[in-house]
Amino acid sequence: MGHGHAHGASIPSGSAAARNRARLSWALALTLSYMLAEVIGGLLTGSLALLADAAHMVTDAGGLALSLLAIHYASKAPTSGKSFGYLRFEILAALANAVVLLGVTAYILYEAYRRFVEPNEILGWPMMLVAFVGLGVNLASMKLLAGGSSESLNVKGAYFEVFSDMLGSIGVIVAALVVMGTGWRWVDPVVGAVIGLFIVPRTWRLLSEALHILLEGTPPGLDLAVLKTQIETMPNVIRAYDLHAWTLTSGFNAMTCHVVVNDVTSGPNLVRSIRSIMKVRYNIDHVTVQIEDEQLASEASVLPV
């Protein structure tokens, strides 16, 4: 009978992550620079702790590079074969970052156990000096990424990786101070284990958010049952069905719905009202509404809502 489709633009000109491309680029440059310094420091001092942290930095650099790659693909124009372009690549990158972080955490816990059983010789002063440099680099990177971590899962994943490195730097400094002051080498693996366990809850939330989006979960703050009631209380509306709302990528939500009405000529005004609700209450611009009469609705085969 007819439909209304509104979304401001078919594909947003820039996703939430794209607005933070420069932040990610600077953070990547800082991470690579410090990673090289840690490798050199670890080789010169014989510090396994520094080399292990450098390996952690490699994963961070890889995560940041993957985030930038995701932004590159997400900015590509849609095609006939991919009508939404590559916007989902950003969420895939966030998922990959979360998996890598969990893997790094498992490695940290393994290393902590191994070093606790067989403590390594630790050169306190060189280790602490390099860790202080790393702390400064990580704090600078966190400041760069903090502004975008609340609006993009991709940037949030990169932020968590840098955050975990910042904790690692603090842990190395604390361990170095204790070892130099007391000679307790077992403090180093204990601090490493605490750092690893501290990362897990934040990484798990990131993983859950990415999976929720990939599984077409309803955007946070939107109750489909409440929205269905709002639509069905509008004039001339008999019922609403096949109602769906989902997130394509960070900052880009969508909604579709079939609405059965008494008079299909009321369709345009009804579509405008639904668009207004979605925009004002839920900040969703990409809205598709199918207006139907009872006969057309009875012919439809839909998924249960």
C-alpha atoms as a PDB file:
ATOM      1  CA  MET A   1       0.000   0.000   0.000  1.00  0.00           C
ATOM      2  CA  GLY A   2       2.932   2.296   0.649  1.00  0.00           C
ATOM      3  CA  HIS A   3       5.845   2.999   2.881  1.00  0.00           C
ATOM      4  CA  GLY A   4       7.939   5.760   4.304  1.00  0.00           C
ATOM      5  CA  HIS A   5      11.702   5.678   4.491  1.00  0.00           C
ATOM      6  CA  ALA A   6      13.760   8.364   6.207  1.00  0.00           C
ATOM      7  CA  HIS A   7      17.361   8.381   7.272  1.00  0.00           C
ATOM      8  CA  GLY A   8      18.977  11.751   6.812  1.00  0.00           C
ATOM      9  CA  ALA A   9      21.439  10.126   4.375  1.00  0.00           C
ATOM     10  CA  SER A  10      21.607   6.637   2.921  1.00  0.00           C
ATOM     11  CA  ILE A  11      24.956   6.080   4.572  1.00  0.00           C
ATOM     12  CA  PRO A  12      26.431   8.516   7.083  1.00  0.00           C
ATOM     13  CA  SER A  13      29.245  10.556   5.624  1.00  0.00           C
ATOM     14  CA  GLY A  14      31.450   9.571   8.548  1.00  0.00           C
ATOM     15  CA  SER A  15      30.973   7.007  11.265  1.00  0.00           C
ATOM     16  CA  ALA A  16      31.778   7.744  14.903  1.00  0.00           C
ATOM     17  CA  ALA A  17      35.153   6.099  14.483  1.00  0.00           C
ATOM     18  CA  ALA A  18      35.932   8.075  11.328  1.00  0.00           C
ATOM     19  CA  ARG A  19      35.651  11.307  13.304  1.00  0.00           C
ATOM     20  CA  ASN A  20      38.522  10.020  15.439  1.00  0.00           C
ATOM     21  CA  ARG A  21      40.882   8.959  12.657  1.00  0.00           C
ATOM     22  CA  ALA A  22      43.518  11.526  13.645  1.00  0.00           C
ATOM     23  CA  ARG A  23      43.374  10.467  17.305  1.00  0.00           C
ATOM     24  CA  LEU A  24      43.971   6.840  16.361  1.00  0.00           C
ATOM     25  CA  SER A  25      46.829   7.778  14.020  1.00  0.00           C
ATOM     26  CA  TRP A  26      48.660   9.758  16.715  1.00  0.00           C
ATOM     27  CA  ALA A  27      48.112   7.005  19.271  1.00  0.00           C
ATOM     28  CA  LEU A  28      49.527   4.447  16.824  1.00  0.00           C
ATOM     29  CA  ALA A  29      52.624   6.596  16.205  1.00  0.00           C
ATOM     30  CA  LEU A  30      53.244   6.981  19.947  1.00  0.00           C
ATOM     31  CA  THR A  31      52.717   3.262  20.573  1.00  0.00           C
ATOM     32  CA  LEU A  32      55.145   2.203  17.828  1.00  0.00           C
ATOM     33  CA  SER A  33      57.788   4.644  19.090  1.00  0.00           C
ATOM     34  CA  TYR A  34      57.602   3.399  22.660  1.00  0.00           C
ATOM     35  CA  MET A  35      57.450  -0.235  21.560  1.00  0.00           C
ATOM     36  CA  LEU A  36      60.810   0.242  19.815  1.00  0.00           C
ATOM     37  CA  ALA A  37      62.242   1.893  22.957  1.00  0.00           C
ATOM     38  CA  GLU A  38      61.051  -1.039  25.089  1.00  0.00           C
ATOM     39  CA  VAL A  39      62.610  -3.603  22.776  1.00  0.00           C
ATOM     40  CA  ILE A  40      65.947  -1.771  22.860  1.00  0.00           C
ATOM     41  CA  GLY A  41      65.731  -1.314  26.637  1.00  0.00           C
ATOM     42  CA  GLY A  42      64.842  -4.951  27.176  1.00  0.00           C
ATOM     43  CA  LEU A  43      67.738  -6.196  25.047  1.00  0.00           C
ATOM     44  CA  LEU A  44      70.270  -3.844  26.671  1.00  0.00           C
ATOM     45  CA  THR A  45      69.239  -4.601  30.260  1.00  0.00           C
ATOM     46  CA  GLY A  46      68.270  -8.238  29.814  1.00  0.00           C
ATOM     47  CA  SER A  47      64.859  -7.448  31.314  1.00  0.00           C
ATOM     48  CA  LEU A  48      62.254 -10.044  30.377  1.00  0.00           C
ATOM     49  CA  ALA A  49      59.575  -7.805  31.889  1.00  0.00           C
ATOM     50  CA  LEU A  50      60.317  -5.061  29.373  1.00  0.00           C
ATOM     51  CA  LEU A  51      60.424  -7.486  26.453  1.00  0.00           C
ATOM     52  CA  ALA A  52      57.122  -9.022  27.569  1.00  0.00           C
ATOM     53  CA  ASP A  53      55.571  -5.562  27.800  1.00  0.00           C
ATOM     54  CA  ALA A  54      56.962  -4.792  24.348  1.00  0.00           C
ATOM     55  CA  ALA A  55      55.115  -7.865  23.060  1.00  0.00           C
ATOM     56  CA  HIS A  56      51.991  -6.440  24.655  1.00  0.00           C
ATOM     57  CA  MET A  57      52.655  -3.184  22.819  1.00  0.00           C
ATOM     58  CA  VAL A  58      52.826  -5.104  19.555  1.00  0.00           C
ATOM     59  CA  THR A  59      49.248  -6.248  20.101  1.00  0.00           C
ATOM     60  CA  ASP A  60      48.229  -2.681  20.921  1.00  0.00           C
ATOM     61  CA  ALA A  61      49.855  -1.373  17.750  1.00  0.00           C
ATOM     62  CA  GLY A  62      48.101  -4.108  15.804  1.00  0.00           C
ATOM     63  CA  GLY A  63      44.772  -3.187  17.387  1.00  0.00           C
ATOM     64  CA  LEU A  64      45.206   0.498  16.555  1.00  0.00           C
ATOM     65  CA  ALA A  65      46.242  -0.342  12.992  1.00  0.00           C
ATOM     66  CA  LEU A  66      43.211  -2.612  12.667  1.00  0.00           C
ATOM     67  CA  SER A  67      40.982   0.202  13.921  1.00  0.00           C
ATOM     68  CA  LEU A  68      42.349   2.550  11.259  1.00  0.00           C
ATOM     69  CA  LEU A  69      41.892  -0.143   8.625  1.00  0.00           C
ATOM     70  CA  ALA A  70      38.290  -0.561   9.768  1.00  0.00           C
ATOM     71  CA  ILE A  71      37.687   3.180   9.372  1.00  0.00           C
ATOM     72  CA  HIS A  72      39.146   3.033   5.863  1.00  0.00           C
ATOM     73  CA  TYR A  73      36.776   0.268   4.800  1.00  0.00           C
ATOM     74  CA  ALA A  74      33.788   1.776   6.619  1.00  0.00           C
ATOM     75  CA  SER A  75      34.214   5.005   4.625  1.00  0.00           C
ATOM     76  CA  LYS A  76      33.894   3.186   1.295  1.00  0.00           C
ATOM     77  CA  ALA A  77      30.762   3.984  -0.690  1.00  0.00           C
ATOM     78  CA  PRO A  78      27.950   1.406  -0.772  1.00  0.00           C
ATOM     79  CA  THR A  79      27.596  -0.808  -3.825  1.00  0.00           C
ATOM     80  CA  SER A  80      24.798  -2.870  -5.331  1.00  0.00           C
ATOM     81  CA  GLY A  81      26.268  -5.909  -3.634  1.00  0.00           C
ATOM     82  CA  LYS A  82      26.819  -4.168  -0.273  1.00  0.00           C
ATOM     83  CA  SER A  83      24.064  -1.600   0.115  1.00  0.00           C
ATOM     84  CA  PHE A  84      25.347  -0.473   3.527  1.00  0.00           C
ATOM     85  CA  GLY A  85      28.962  -0.426   2.420  1.00  0.00           C
ATOM     86  CA  TYR A  86      31.505  -1.721   4.920  1.00  0.00           C
ATOM     87  CA  LEU A  87      30.195  -0.014   8.068  1.00  0.00           C
ATOM     88  CA  ARG A  88      30.105  -3.313   9.967  1.00  0.00           C
ATOM     89  CA  PHE A  89      33.874  -3.638   9.561  1.00  0.00           C
ATOM     90  CA  GLU A  90      34.216  -1.281  12.522  1.00  0.00           C
ATOM     91  CA  ILE A  91      32.336  -3.685  14.801  1.00  0.00           C
ATOM     92  CA  LEU A  92      34.371  -6.630  13.526  1.00  0.00           C
ATOM     93  CA  ALA A  93      37.528  -4.698  14.415  1.00  0.00           C
ATOM     94  CA  ALA A  94      36.190  -4.026  17.917  1.00  0.00           C
ATOM     95  CA  LEU A  95      35.424  -7.735  18.297  1.00  0.00           C
ATOM     96  CA  ALA A  96      38.936  -8.649  17.135  1.00  0.00           C
ATOM     97  CA  ASN A  97      40.441  -6.163  19.597  1.00  0.00           C
ATOM     98  CA  ALA A  98      38.480  -7.722  22.463  1.00  0.00           C
ATOM     99  CA  VAL A  99      39.600 -11.237  21.519  1.00  0.00           C
ATOM    100  CA  VAL A 100      43.242 -10.101  21.283  1.00  0.00           C
ATOM    101  CA  LEU A 101      43.006  -8.437  24.696  1.00  0.00           C
ATOM    102  CA  LEU A 102      41.659 -11.609  26.269  1.00  0.00           C
ATOM    103  CA  GLY A 103      44.504 -13.550  24.653  1.00  0.00           C
ATOM    104  CA  VAL A 104      47.088 -11.094  25.984  1.00  0.00           C
ATOM    105  CA  THR A 105      45.511 -11.337  29.442  1.00  0.00           C
ATOM    106  CA  ALA A 106      45.816 -15.121  29.354  1.00  0.00           C
ATOM    107  CA  TYR A 107      49.489 -14.745  28.396  1.00  0.00           C
ATOM    108  CA  ILE A 108      50.079 -12.279  31.257  1.00  0.00           C
ATOM    109  CA  LEU A 109      48.568 -14.714  33.766  1.00  0.00           C
ATOM    110  CA  TYR A 110      50.687 -17.572  32.377  1.00  0.00           C
ATOM    111  CA  GLU A 111      53.846 -15.478  32.602  1.00  0.00           C
ATOM    112  CA  ALA A 112      52.931 -14.412  36.146  1.00  0.00           C
ATOM    113  CA  TYR A 113      52.621 -18.070  37.207  1.00  0.00           C
ATOM    114  CA  ARG A 114      55.882 -19.046  35.506  1.00  0.00           C
ATOM    115  CA  ARG A 115      57.822 -16.174  37.076  1.00  0.00           C
ATOM    116  CA  PHE A 116      56.339 -16.826  40.496  1.00  0.00           C
ATOM    117  CA  VAL A 117      57.573 -20.418  40.336  1.00  0.00           C
ATOM    118  CA  GLU A 118      60.961 -19.442  38.880  1.00  0.00           C
ATOM    119  CA  PRO A 119      61.721 -15.760  39.631  1.00  0.00           C
ATOM    120  CA  ASN A 120      63.891 -13.986  37.046  1.00  0.00           C
ATOM    121  CA  GLU A 121      66.716 -11.583  37.777  1.00  0.00           C
ATOM    122  CA  ILE A 122      65.278  -8.060  37.609  1.00  0.00           C
ATOM    123  CA  LEU A 123      67.298  -4.915  36.856  1.00  0.00           C
ATOM    124  CA  GLY A 124      65.225  -2.385  38.776  1.00  0.00           C
ATOM    125  CA  TRP A 125      66.536   1.021  37.684  1.00  0.00           C
ATOM    126  CA  PRO A 126      66.611   0.489  33.906  1.00  0.00           C
ATOM    127  CA  MET A 127      63.216  -1.217  34.036  1.00  0.00           C
ATOM    128  CA  MET A 128      61.683   1.626  36.053  1.00  0.00           C
ATOM    129  CA  LEU A 129      63.093   4.361  33.802  1.00  0.00           C
ATOM    130  CA  VAL A 130      61.724   2.766  30.636  1.00  0.00           C
ATOM    131  CA  ALA A 131      58.387   2.150  32.383  1.00  0.00           C
ATOM    132  CA  PHE A 132      58.141   5.852  33.320  1.00  0.00           C
ATOM    133  CA  VAL A 133      58.587   6.776  29.657  1.00  0.00           C
ATOM    134  CA  GLY A 134      55.937   4.241  28.759  1.00  0.00           C
ATOM    135  CA  LEU A 135      53.555   5.662  31.338  1.00  0.00           C
ATOM    136  CA  GLY A 136      53.864   9.102  29.761  1.00  0.00           C
ATOM    137  CA  VAL A 137      53.287   7.716  26.268  1.00  0.00           C
ATOM    138  CA  ASN A 138      50.253   5.720  27.374  1.00  0.00           C
ATOM    139  CA  LEU A 139      48.702   8.655  29.221  1.00  0.00           C
ATOM    140  CA  ALA A 140      49.132  10.811  26.117  1.00  0.00           C
ATOM    141  CA  SER A 141      47.516   8.132  23.945  1.00  0.00           C
ATOM    142  CA  MET A 142      44.637   7.708  26.411  1.00  0.00           C
ATOM    143  CA  LYS A 143      43.987  11.450  26.339  1.00  0.00           C
ATOM    144  CA  LEU A 144      43.893  11.329  22.539  1.00  0.00           C
ATOM    145  CA  LEU A 145      41.412   8.431  22.457  1.00  0.00           C
ATOM    146  CA  ALA A 146      39.234   9.322  25.459  1.00  0.00           C
ATOM    147  CA  GLY A 147      37.071  11.756  23.503  1.00  0.00           C
ATOM    148  CA  GLY A 148      36.014   9.130  20.972  1.00  0.00           C
ATOM    149  CA  SER A 149      35.794   6.056  23.206  1.00  0.00           C
ATOM    150  CA  SER A 150      32.245   6.900  24.315  1.00  0.00           C
ATOM    151  CA  GLU A 151      30.801   7.015  20.796  1.00  0.00           C
ATOM    152  CA  SER A 152      32.627   4.249  18.937  1.00  0.00           C
ATOM    153  CA  LEU A 153      33.237   0.621  19.913  1.00  0.00           C
ATOM    154  CA  ASN A 154      36.216   0.606  17.598  1.00  0.00           C
ATOM    155  CA  VAL A 155      37.857   3.549  19.385  1.00  0.00           C
ATOM    156  CA  LYS A 156      36.785   2.104  22.745  1.00  0.00           C
ATOM    157  CA  GLY A 157      38.644  -1.111  21.920  1.00  0.00           C
ATOM    158  CA  ALA A 158      41.778   0.868  21.093  1.00  0.00           C
ATOM    159  CA  TYR A 159      41.356   2.904  24.274  1.00  0.00           C
ATOM    160  CA  PHE A 160      41.140  -0.237  26.413  1.00  0.00           C
ATOM    161  CA  GLU A 161      44.297  -1.623  24.848  1.00  0.00           C
ATOM    162  CA  VAL A 162      46.216   1.571  25.641  1.00  0.00           C
ATOM    163  CA  PHE A 163      44.622   1.609  29.100  1.00  0.00           C
ATOM    164  CA  SER A 164      45.871  -1.918  29.727  1.00  0.00           C
ATOM    165  CA  ASP A 165      49.363  -0.821  28.710  1.00  0.00           C
ATOM    166  CA  MET A 166      49.150   2.136  31.090  1.00  0.00           C
ATOM    167  CA  LEU A 167      48.364  -0.299  33.897  1.00  0.00           C
ATOM    168  CA  GLY A 168      51.283  -2.412  32.761  1.00  0.00           C
ATOM    169  CA  SER A 169      53.634   0.570  33.011  1.00  0.00           C
ATOM    170  CA  ILE A 170      52.414   1.362  36.522  1.00  0.00           C
ATOM    171  CA  GLY A 171      52.797  -2.277  37.486  1.00  0.00           C
ATOM    172  CA  VAL A 172      56.367  -2.363  36.199  1.00  0.00           C
ATOM    173  CA  ILE A 173      57.214   0.826  38.132  1.00  0.00           C
ATOM    174  CA  VAL A 174      55.718  -0.525  41.363  1.00  0.00           C
ATOM    175  CA  ALA A 175      57.412  -3.880  40.932  1.00  0.00           C
ATOM    176  CA  ALA A 176      60.763  -2.215  40.214  1.00  0.00           C
ATOM    177  CA  LEU A 177      60.508  -0.013  43.317  1.00  0.00           C
ATOM    178  CA  VAL A 178      59.604  -2.940  45.571  1.00  0.00           C
ATOM    179  CA  VAL A 179      62.326  -5.181  44.145  1.00  0.00           C
ATOM    180  CA  MET A 180      64.950  -2.454  44.528  1.00  0.00           C
ATOM    181  CA  GLY A 181      63.828  -1.703  48.067  1.00  0.00           C
ATOM    182  CA  THR A 182      63.265  -5.217  49.397  1.00  0.00           C
ATOM    183  CA  GLY A 183      64.699  -7.715  46.915  1.00  0.00           C
ATOM    184  CA  TRP A 184      61.301  -9.483  46.702  1.00  0.00           C
ATOM    185  CA  ARG A 185      61.364 -10.672  43.109  1.00  0.00           C
ATOM    186  CA  TRP A 186      58.015 -12.454  43.498  1.00  0.00           C
ATOM    187  CA  VAL A 187      56.300  -9.041  43.513  1.00  0.00           C
ATOM    188  CA  ASP A 188      56.821  -8.742  39.751  1.00  0.00           C
ATOM    189  CA  PRO A 189      54.621 -11.739  38.773  1.00  0.00           C
ATOM    190  CA  VAL A 190      51.997 -10.854  41.402  1.00  0.00           C
ATOM    191  CA  VAL A 191      51.627  -7.344  39.986  1.00  0.00           C
ATOM    192  CA  GLY A 192      51.430  -8.820  36.480  1.00  0.00           C
ATOM    193  CA  ALA A 193      48.605 -11.150  37.515  1.00  0.00           C
ATOM    194  CA  VAL A 194      46.659  -8.289  39.126  1.00  0.00           C
ATOM    195  CA  ILE A 195      46.992  -6.247  35.937  1.00  0.00           C
ATOM    196  CA  GLY A 196      45.742  -9.156  33.850  1.00  0.00           C
ATOM    197  CA  LEU A 197      42.703  -9.724  36.060  1.00  0.00           C
ATOM    198  CA  PHE A 198      41.900  -6.001  36.117  1.00  0.00           C
ATOM    199  CA  ILE A 199      41.657  -5.914  32.316  1.00  0.00           C
ATOM    200  CA  VAL A 200      39.167  -8.804  32.025  1.00  0.00           C
ATOM    201  CA  PRO A 201      35.860  -7.100  33.062  1.00  0.00           C
ATOM    202  CA  ARG A 202      36.351  -4.123  30.708  1.00  0.00           C
ATOM    203  CA  THR A 203      37.344  -6.381  27.835  1.00  0.00           C
ATOM    204  CA  TRP A 204      34.363  -8.635  28.473  1.00  0.00           C
ATOM    205  CA  ARG A 205      31.986  -5.646  28.263  1.00  0.00           C
ATOM    206  CA  LEU A 206      33.553  -4.595  24.963  1.00  0.00           C
ATOM    207  CA  LEU A 207      33.161  -8.137  23.620  1.00  0.00           C
ATOM    208  CA  SER A 208      29.518  -8.272  24.768  1.00  0.00           C
ATOM    209  CA  GLU A 209      28.693  -4.936  23.108  1.00  0.00           C
ATOM    210  CA  ALA A 210      30.276  -5.985  19.810  1.00  0.00           C
ATOM    211  CA  LEU A 211      28.439  -9.335  19.817  1.00  0.00           C
ATOM    212  CA  HIS A 212      25.148  -7.588  20.670  1.00  0.00           C
ATOM    213  CA  ILE A 213      25.486  -5.418  17.563  1.00  0.00           C
ATOM    214  CA  LEU A 214      26.540  -8.308  15.324  1.00  0.00           C
ATOM    215  CA  LEU A 215      23.501 -10.297  16.528  1.00  0.00           C
ATOM    216  CA  GLU A 216      21.213  -7.385  15.530  1.00  0.00           C
ATOM    217  CA  GLY A 217      20.390  -6.582  19.156  1.00  0.00           C
ATOM    218  CA  THR A 218      18.066  -3.698  19.989  1.00  0.00           C
ATOM    219  CA  PRO A 219      19.937  -0.419  20.666  1.00  0.00           C
ATOM    220  CA  PRO A 220      20.315   0.445  24.372  1.00  0.00           C
ATOM    221  CA  GLY A 221      17.461   2.525  25.745  1.00  0.00           C
ATOM    222  CA  LEU A 222      14.917   1.365  23.193  1.00  0.00           C
ATOM    223  CA  ASP A 223      12.122  -0.961  24.361  1.00  0.00           C
ATOM    224  CA  LEU A 224      10.344  -2.486  21.350  1.00  0.00           C
ATOM    225  CA  ALA A 225       7.237  -3.316  23.405  1.00  0.00           C
ATOM    226  CA  VAL A 226       6.922   0.329  24.505  1.00  0.00           C
ATOM    227  CA  LEU A 227       7.525   1.577  20.958  1.00  0.00           C
ATOM    228  CA  LYS A 228       4.882  -0.825  19.601  1.00  0.00           C
ATOM    229  CA  THR A 229       2.361   0.546  22.109  1.00  0.00           C
ATOM    230  CA  GLN A 230       3.237   4.128  21.153  1.00  0.00           C
ATOM    231  CA  ILE A 231       2.582   3.408  17.485  1.00  0.00           C
ATOM    232  CA  GLU A 232      -0.645   1.486  18.105  1.00  0.00           C
ATOM    233  CA  THR A 233      -2.143   4.370  20.114  1.00  0.00           C
ATOM    234  CA  MET A 234      -1.836   6.724  17.122  1.00  0.00           C
ATOM    235  CA  PRO A 235      -5.005   7.693  15.207  1.00  0.00           C
ATOM    236  CA  ASN A 236      -6.251   5.179  12.571  1.00  0.00           C
ATOM    237  CA  VAL A 237      -3.701   2.542  13.622  1.00  0.00           C
ATOM    238  CA  ILE A 238      -5.077  -0.979  14.083  1.00  0.00           C
ATOM    239  CA  ARG A 239      -1.817  -2.675  14.981  1.00  0.00           C
ATOM    240  CA  ALA A 240       1.934  -2.690  14.392  1.00  0.00           C
ATOM    241  CA  TYR A 241       3.974  -5.792  13.649  1.00  0.00           C
ATOM    242  CA  ASP A 242       7.345  -6.978  12.359  1.00  0.00           C
ATOM    243  CA  LEU A 243       8.958  -4.201  14.398  1.00  0.00           C
ATOM    244  CA  HIS A 244      12.767  -4.256  14.472  1.00  0.00           C
ATOM    245  CA  ALA A 245      15.480  -1.872  15.636  1.00  0.00           C
ATOM    246  CA  TRP A 246      19.201  -2.525  15.454  1.00  0.00           C
ATOM    247  CA  THR A 247      22.634  -0.931  15.295  1.00  0.00           C
ATOM    248  CA  LEU A 248      24.622  -1.156  12.094  1.00  0.00           C
ATOM    249  CA  THR A 249      27.721   0.513  13.511  1.00  0.00           C
ATOM    250  CA  SER A 250      28.485   2.905  16.366  1.00  0.00           C
ATOM    251  CA  GLY A 251      26.252   5.963  16.033  1.00  0.00           C
ATOM    252  CA  PHE A 252      24.076   4.519  13.244  1.00  0.00           C
ATOM    253  CA  ASN A 253      20.835   2.831  14.372  1.00  0.00           C
ATOM    254  CA  ALA A 254      17.906   1.770  12.201  1.00  0.00           C
ATOM    255  CA  MET A 255      14.250   0.790  12.612  1.00  0.00           C
ATOM    256  CA  THR A 256      11.665  -0.939  10.403  1.00  0.00           C
ATOM    257  CA  CYS A 257       7.980  -1.563  11.060  1.00  0.00           C
ATOM    258  CA  HIS A 258       4.719  -2.624   9.376  1.00  0.00           C
ATOM    259  CA  VAL A 259       1.653  -0.634  10.444  1.00  0.00           C
ATOM    260  CA  VAL A 260      -1.906  -1.754   9.702  1.00  0.00           C
ATOM    261  CA  VAL A 261      -4.367   1.166   9.430  1.00  0.00           C
ATOM    262  CA  ASN A 262      -8.064   1.775   8.874  1.00  0.00           C
ATOM    263  CA  ASP A 263      -7.458   4.305   6.114  1.00  0.00           C
ATOM    264  CA  VAL A 264      -4.317   4.058   4.011  1.00  0.00           C
ATOM    265  CA  THR A 265      -4.680   7.703   2.958  1.00  0.00           C
ATOM    266  CA  SER A 266      -3.546   8.603   6.480  1.00  0.00           C
ATOM    267  CA  GLY A 267      -0.213   6.940   5.724  1.00  0.00           C
ATOM    268  CA  PRO A 268       1.951  10.034   5.023  1.00  0.00           C
ATOM    269  CA  ASN A 269       0.968  11.798   8.260  1.00  0.00           C
ATOM    270  CA  LEU A 270       1.418   8.581  10.225  1.00  0.00           C
ATOM    271  CA  VAL A 271       4.904   8.046   8.792  1.00  0.00           C
ATOM    272  CA  ARG A 272       5.843  11.616   9.744  1.00  0.00           C
ATOM    273  CA  SER A 273       4.666  11.003  13.323  1.00  0.00           C
ATOM    274  CA  ILE A 274       6.670   7.780  13.630  1.00  0.00           C
ATOM    275  CA  ARG A 275       9.745   9.466  12.178  1.00  0.00           C
ATOM    276  CA  SER A 276       9.403  12.218  14.776  1.00  0.00           C
ATOM    277  CA  ILE A 277       9.171   9.717  17.646  1.00  0.00           C
ATOM    278  CA  MET A 278      12.248   7.845  16.446  1.00  0.00           C
ATOM    279  CA  LYS A 279      14.265  11.020  15.959  1.00  0.00           C
ATOM    280  CA  VAL A 280      13.260  12.932  19.098  1.00  0.00           C
ATOM    281  CA  ARG A 281      13.021  10.065  21.614  1.00  0.00           C
ATOM    282  CA  TYR A 282      15.540   7.576  20.262  1.00  0.00           C
ATOM    283  CA  ASN A 283      17.818   9.614  17.959  1.00  0.00           C
ATOM    284  CA  ILE A 284      17.226   7.222  15.051  1.00  0.00           C
ATOM    285  CA  ASP A 285      17.068   8.732  11.547  1.00  0.00           C
ATOM    286  CA  HIS A 286      17.116   5.567   9.449  1.00  0.00           C
ATOM    287  CA  VAL A 287      13.409   4.651   9.641  1.00  0.00           C
ATOM    288  CA  THR A 288      11.359   2.479   7.266  1.00  0.00           C
ATOM    289  CA  VAL A 289       7.573   2.213   7.788  1.00  0.00           C
ATOM    290  CA  GLN A 290       5.291   0.026   5.661  1.00  0.00           C
ATOM    291  CA  ILE A 291       1.631   1.188   5.704  1.00  0.00           C
ATOM    292  CA  GLU A 292      -0.877  -1.622   5.062  1.00  0.00           C
ATOM    293  CA  ASP A 293      -4.576  -2.458   5.265  1.00  0.00           C
ATOM    294  CA  GLU A 294      -5.837  -5.681   6.850  1.00  0.00           C
ATOM    295  CA  GLN A 295      -5.939  -7.594   3.574  1.00  0.00           C
ATOM    296  CA  LEU A 296      -2.311  -6.844   2.733  1.00  0.00           C
ATOM    297  CA  ALA A 297      -1.239  -7.585   6.285  1.00  0.00           C
ATOM    298  CA  SER A 298      -2.974 -10.979   6.207  1.00  0.00           C
ATOM    299  CA  GLU A 299      -0.882 -11.957   3.197  1.00  0.00           C
ATOM    300  CA  ALA A 300       2.410 -11.228   4.950  1.00  0.00           C
ATOM    301  CA  SER A 301       4.627 -13.908   6.412  1.00  0.00           C
ATOM    302  CA  VAL A 302       6.594 -12.381   9.286  1.00  0.00           C
ATOM    303  CA  LEU A 303       8.900 -13.361  12.089  1.00  0.00           C
ATOM    304  CA  PRO A 304       7.377 -13.254  15.574  1.00  0.00           C
ATOM    305  CA  VAL A 305       7.975  -9.961  17.390  1.00  0.00           C
END
